Protein backbone atom coordinates (compact mmCIF):
# COMPACT_ATOMS: atom_id res chain seq x y z
CA UNK A 1 -18.20 -12.47 -1.19
CA UNK A 2 -18.17 -9.84 1.34
CA UNK A 3 -15.11 -9.70 4.02
CA UNK A 4 -16.96 -10.72 7.46
CA UNK A 5 -15.61 -7.46 8.77
CA UNK A 6 -18.14 -7.92 12.21
CA UNK A 7 -16.49 -10.78 13.15
CA UNK A 8 -12.79 -9.83 12.36
CA UNK A 9 -13.27 -6.56 14.38
CA UNK A 10 -13.89 -8.89 17.72
CA UNK A 11 -11.09 -11.12 17.34
CA UNK A 12 -9.10 -11.23 20.44
CA UNK A 13 -6.06 -8.70 20.37
CA UNK A 14 -3.12 -11.26 21.31
CA UNK A 15 -4.67 -13.66 18.59
CA UNK A 16 -1.75 -13.39 16.23
CA UNK A 17 1.00 -13.38 19.03
CA UNK A 18 -0.37 -16.91 19.72
CA UNK A 19 -0.81 -18.62 16.77
CA UNK A 20 2.71 -19.92 16.66
CA UNK A 21 2.72 -20.42 20.09
CA UNK A 22 -0.05 -21.92 21.79
CA UNK A 23 -1.99 -23.99 18.28
CA UNK A 24 -2.19 -27.65 18.90
CA UNK A 25 -1.15 -28.46 15.33
CA UNK A 26 2.71 -27.82 14.85
CA UNK A 27 2.39 -27.49 11.21
CA UNK A 28 0.53 -24.18 12.27
CA UNK A 29 2.94 -22.97 14.85
CA UNK A 30 5.84 -23.69 12.66
CA UNK A 31 3.39 -21.67 9.76
CA UNK A 32 2.92 -18.85 11.93
CA UNK A 33 6.08 -18.40 12.98
CA UNK A 34 7.47 -18.61 9.88
CA UNK A 35 5.85 -15.92 8.29
CA UNK A 36 6.44 -13.74 10.99
CA UNK A 37 9.77 -13.98 10.36
CA UNK A 38 10.33 -13.98 6.88
CA UNK A 39 8.48 -10.83 7.11
CA UNK A 40 10.26 -9.31 10.03
CA UNK A 41 13.56 -10.18 7.68
CA UNK A 42 12.22 -8.10 4.90
CA UNK A 43 11.19 -5.93 6.40
CA UNK A 44 14.26 -5.08 7.94
CA UNK A 45 16.71 -5.67 4.82
CA UNK A 46 14.88 -2.08 3.38
CA UNK A 47 14.29 -0.48 6.79
CA UNK A 48 16.98 2.85 7.35
CA UNK A 49 16.29 4.94 10.50
CA UNK A 50 14.12 7.56 9.60
CA UNK A 51 12.22 5.84 6.95
CA UNK A 52 8.58 5.42 7.37
CA UNK A 53 6.80 2.15 7.76
CA UNK A 54 2.86 1.36 7.03
CA UNK A 55 1.37 -2.23 7.84
CA UNK A 56 -1.83 -1.64 6.18
CA UNK A 57 -4.67 -4.81 7.77
CA UNK A 58 -1.80 -5.15 10.93
CA UNK A 59 -3.69 -6.56 13.01
CA UNK A 60 -0.98 -6.46 16.18
CA UNK A 61 1.81 -6.36 14.09
CA UNK A 62 3.07 -9.26 15.14
CA UNK A 63 5.89 -10.18 13.10
CA UNK A 64 7.71 -6.92 14.37
CA UNK A 65 10.06 -8.76 16.74
CA UNK A 66 12.52 -5.64 16.43
CA UNK A 67 10.31 -3.43 17.38
CA UNK A 68 10.45 -0.62 14.38
CA UNK A 69 8.83 2.42 14.48
CA UNK A 70 5.45 1.10 12.46
CA UNK A 71 2.40 3.42 11.66
CA UNK A 72 -0.51 0.38 11.65
CA UNK A 73 -3.36 0.64 9.71
CA UNK A 74 -6.75 -1.41 10.91
CA UNK A 75 -10.13 -1.76 11.79
CA UNK A 76 -9.80 -3.60 14.81
CA UNK A 77 -9.21 -1.31 17.70
CA UNK A 78 -8.52 -2.95 20.60
CA UNK A 79 -5.84 -4.79 18.70
CA UNK A 80 -4.24 -1.72 17.46
CA UNK A 81 -4.21 -0.47 21.49
CA UNK A 82 -3.00 -3.40 22.36
CA UNK A 83 0.19 -3.56 19.38
CA UNK A 84 1.18 0.16 20.36
CA UNK A 85 1.32 -0.98 24.16
CA UNK A 86 3.67 -4.04 23.26
CA UNK A 87 5.50 -1.59 20.97
CA UNK A 88 4.62 -3.26 18.11
CA UNK A 89 3.39 -0.11 16.48
CA UNK A 90 4.63 3.55 17.18
CA UNK A 91 1.04 5.00 16.05
CA UNK A 92 -2.08 3.55 14.80
CA UNK A 93 -5.07 4.33 12.15
CA UNK A 94 -8.36 3.06 12.90
CA UNK A 95 -10.03 2.88 9.38
CA UNK A 96 -10.88 0.87 6.07
CA UNK A 97 -8.19 0.29 4.02
CA UNK A 98 -9.54 1.71 1.00
CA UNK A 99 -9.74 5.13 2.91
CA UNK A 100 -6.59 5.39 4.40
CA UNK A 101 -6.13 9.01 6.23
CA UNK A 102 -2.42 10.09 5.43
CA UNK A 103 -1.78 11.89 2.83
CA UNK A 104 0.04 11.19 -0.84
CA UNK A 105 3.73 9.65 -0.94
CA UNK A 106 3.73 9.17 2.40
CA UNK A 107 6.00 5.93 3.24
CA UNK A 108 8.93 4.44 2.71
CA UNK A 109 7.72 0.91 3.15
CA UNK A 110 4.28 -0.09 2.95
CA UNK A 111 3.26 -4.00 4.08
CA UNK A 112 0.25 -5.68 3.30
CA UNK A 113 0.54 -9.40 4.80
CA UNK A 114 -1.82 -11.94 4.55
CA UNK A 115 -4.86 -9.32 4.01
CA UNK A 116 -5.55 -8.82 0.11
CA UNK A 117 -7.38 -12.38 0.43
CA UNK A 118 -9.41 -11.06 2.68
CA UNK A 119 -10.75 -7.84 1.27
CA UNK A 120 -13.97 -7.24 -1.01
CA UNK A 121 -11.87 -5.29 -3.66
CA UNK A 122 -8.55 -5.80 -3.81
CA UNK A 123 -7.45 -3.55 -6.76
CA UNK A 124 -8.84 -0.75 -4.52
CA UNK A 125 -6.59 -1.21 -1.53
CA UNK A 126 -3.51 -2.02 -3.57
CA UNK A 127 -4.21 1.41 -5.50
CA UNK A 128 -4.22 3.13 -2.04
CA UNK A 129 -1.12 1.35 -1.08
CA UNK A 130 0.44 2.71 -4.23
CA UNK A 131 -1.25 6.64 -3.26
CA UNK A 132 0.76 6.35 0.46
CA UNK A 133 3.96 5.00 -1.10
CA UNK A 134 7.07 7.19 -1.74
CA UNK A 135 8.45 7.15 -5.49
CA UNK A 136 10.23 4.05 -4.90
CA UNK A 137 9.15 2.64 -2.17
CA UNK A 138 9.17 -0.72 -1.19
CA UNK A 139 5.52 -2.32 -0.90
CA UNK A 140 6.02 -5.99 0.54
CA UNK A 141 2.87 -8.17 -0.18
CA UNK A 142 2.36 -11.72 1.48
CA UNK A 143 -0.92 -13.93 0.68
CA UNK A 144 -1.36 -18.06 1.29
CA UNK A 145 0.14 -20.09 -2.02
CA UNK A 146 -4.08 -21.40 -2.51
CA UNK A 147 -3.72 -23.98 -5.40
CA UNK A 148 -4.27 -27.28 -5.24
CA UNK A 149 -0.50 -27.71 -6.07
CA UNK A 150 0.93 -25.96 -3.21
CA UNK A 151 1.08 -27.50 0.06
CA UNK A 152 -0.91 -24.75 2.41
CA UNK A 153 -4.28 -25.66 -0.06
CA UNK A 154 -4.75 -28.94 1.61
CA UNK A 155 -3.78 -28.45 4.96
CA UNK A 156 -6.10 -25.16 5.01
CA UNK A 157 -8.81 -26.59 4.11
CA UNK A 158 -8.36 -29.60 6.46
CA UNK A 159 -8.32 -27.52 9.03
CA UNK A 160 -11.62 -25.62 8.19
CA UNK A 161 -13.48 -28.77 7.61
CA UNK A 162 -12.55 -30.10 11.17
CA UNK A 163 -12.78 -26.62 13.20
CA UNK A 164 -15.47 -25.21 11.01
CA UNK A 165 -17.86 -28.72 9.93
CA UNK A 166 -17.11 -30.91 13.04
CA UNK A 167 -16.22 -28.55 15.90
CA UNK A 168 -18.88 -25.65 14.72
CA UNK A 169 -16.48 -23.14 14.58
CA UNK A 170 -17.78 -19.87 12.46
CA UNK A 171 -14.07 -18.25 11.36
CA UNK A 172 -13.73 -21.72 10.00
CA UNK A 173 -16.53 -22.15 8.06
CA UNK A 174 -16.42 -18.92 6.52
CA UNK A 175 -12.87 -20.58 5.49
CA UNK A 176 -10.99 -18.04 7.74
CA UNK A 177 -12.54 -14.88 5.88
CA UNK A 178 -10.33 -16.03 2.42
CA UNK A 179 -12.56 -14.66 -0.18
CA UNK A 180 -9.83 -14.23 -2.98
CA UNK A 181 -7.09 -17.10 -4.14
CA UNK A 182 -3.45 -16.09 -5.02
CA UNK A 183 -1.06 -18.45 -6.90
CA UNK A 184 2.26 -16.17 -8.02
CA UNK A 185 1.00 -15.44 -11.15
CA UNK A 186 -2.82 -14.08 -10.31
CA UNK A 187 -1.09 -12.43 -7.39
CA UNK A 188 1.46 -10.49 -9.71
CA UNK A 189 -1.36 -9.66 -12.20
CA UNK A 190 -3.50 -8.38 -10.22
CA UNK A 191 -0.17 -5.98 -8.66
CA UNK A 192 0.49 -5.14 -12.12
CA UNK A 193 -2.69 -3.43 -12.66
CA UNK A 194 -2.35 -1.14 -9.70
CA UNK A 195 1.16 -0.22 -12.09
CA UNK A 196 3.24 -1.47 -9.49
CA UNK A 197 6.88 -3.01 -10.61
CA UNK A 198 7.54 -6.41 -8.91
CA UNK A 199 11.05 -6.43 -8.12
CA UNK A 200 11.05 -9.37 -6.54
CA UNK A 201 9.04 -12.90 -5.74
CA UNK A 202 9.56 -16.05 -3.75
CA UNK A 203 7.00 -18.69 -1.62
CA UNK A 204 7.71 -20.14 1.30
CA UNK A 205 8.07 -24.23 0.55
CA UNK A 206 4.50 -23.27 -1.40
CA UNK A 207 2.86 -22.03 1.67
CA UNK A 208 3.28 -18.12 1.58
CA UNK A 209 4.44 -16.05 -2.01
CA UNK A 210 5.73 -12.89 -1.28
CA UNK A 211 5.95 -10.49 -3.71
CA UNK A 212 8.16 -7.13 -3.40
CA UNK A 213 7.27 -4.25 -5.19
CA UNK A 214 7.70 -0.43 -6.56
CA UNK A 215 6.19 2.23 -7.84
């Protein structure tokens, strides 16, 4: 299955910022607030002034509450412009994630948050992340814990059933554009094929898997 890029390019610029605030579902509000908080903390733990942060598939970088100097990479130009105006991004590049116009060994921190499950070829995107990362850079990856044994899986599928088939919203009929499904072991396996070294992995109450790796 291919990603629906045409749909994503039209997503409202404030969509990701509104998720933790305006959703009618309290679990959904908690989930998005918590994932932004965890990602923000992971980046802060590895950031020092002068380091270069690249957020691949950044959307509006809604996690960046501290307004760190982030370079965003995404295909939704309106969202990128909105993020820069808000101070969530210092700069942005509007390109496909498989062909980023940044030099080799460029970034100290590379972020791929809730993006690998959406792309047609995760391996190519991870290889591009590896290419732009400096030696010993930190690459921070998060994906949904997409297993029947997780808490995310049943709740997300119920949401897609209600919104997609009862309320006829195309985004949810398409299962939110998720074309790959990860457990901790599976995302680790994909990462290590790119010759990255996993240095830490954990999950948030079986909702989101976080993996920190390096070259």
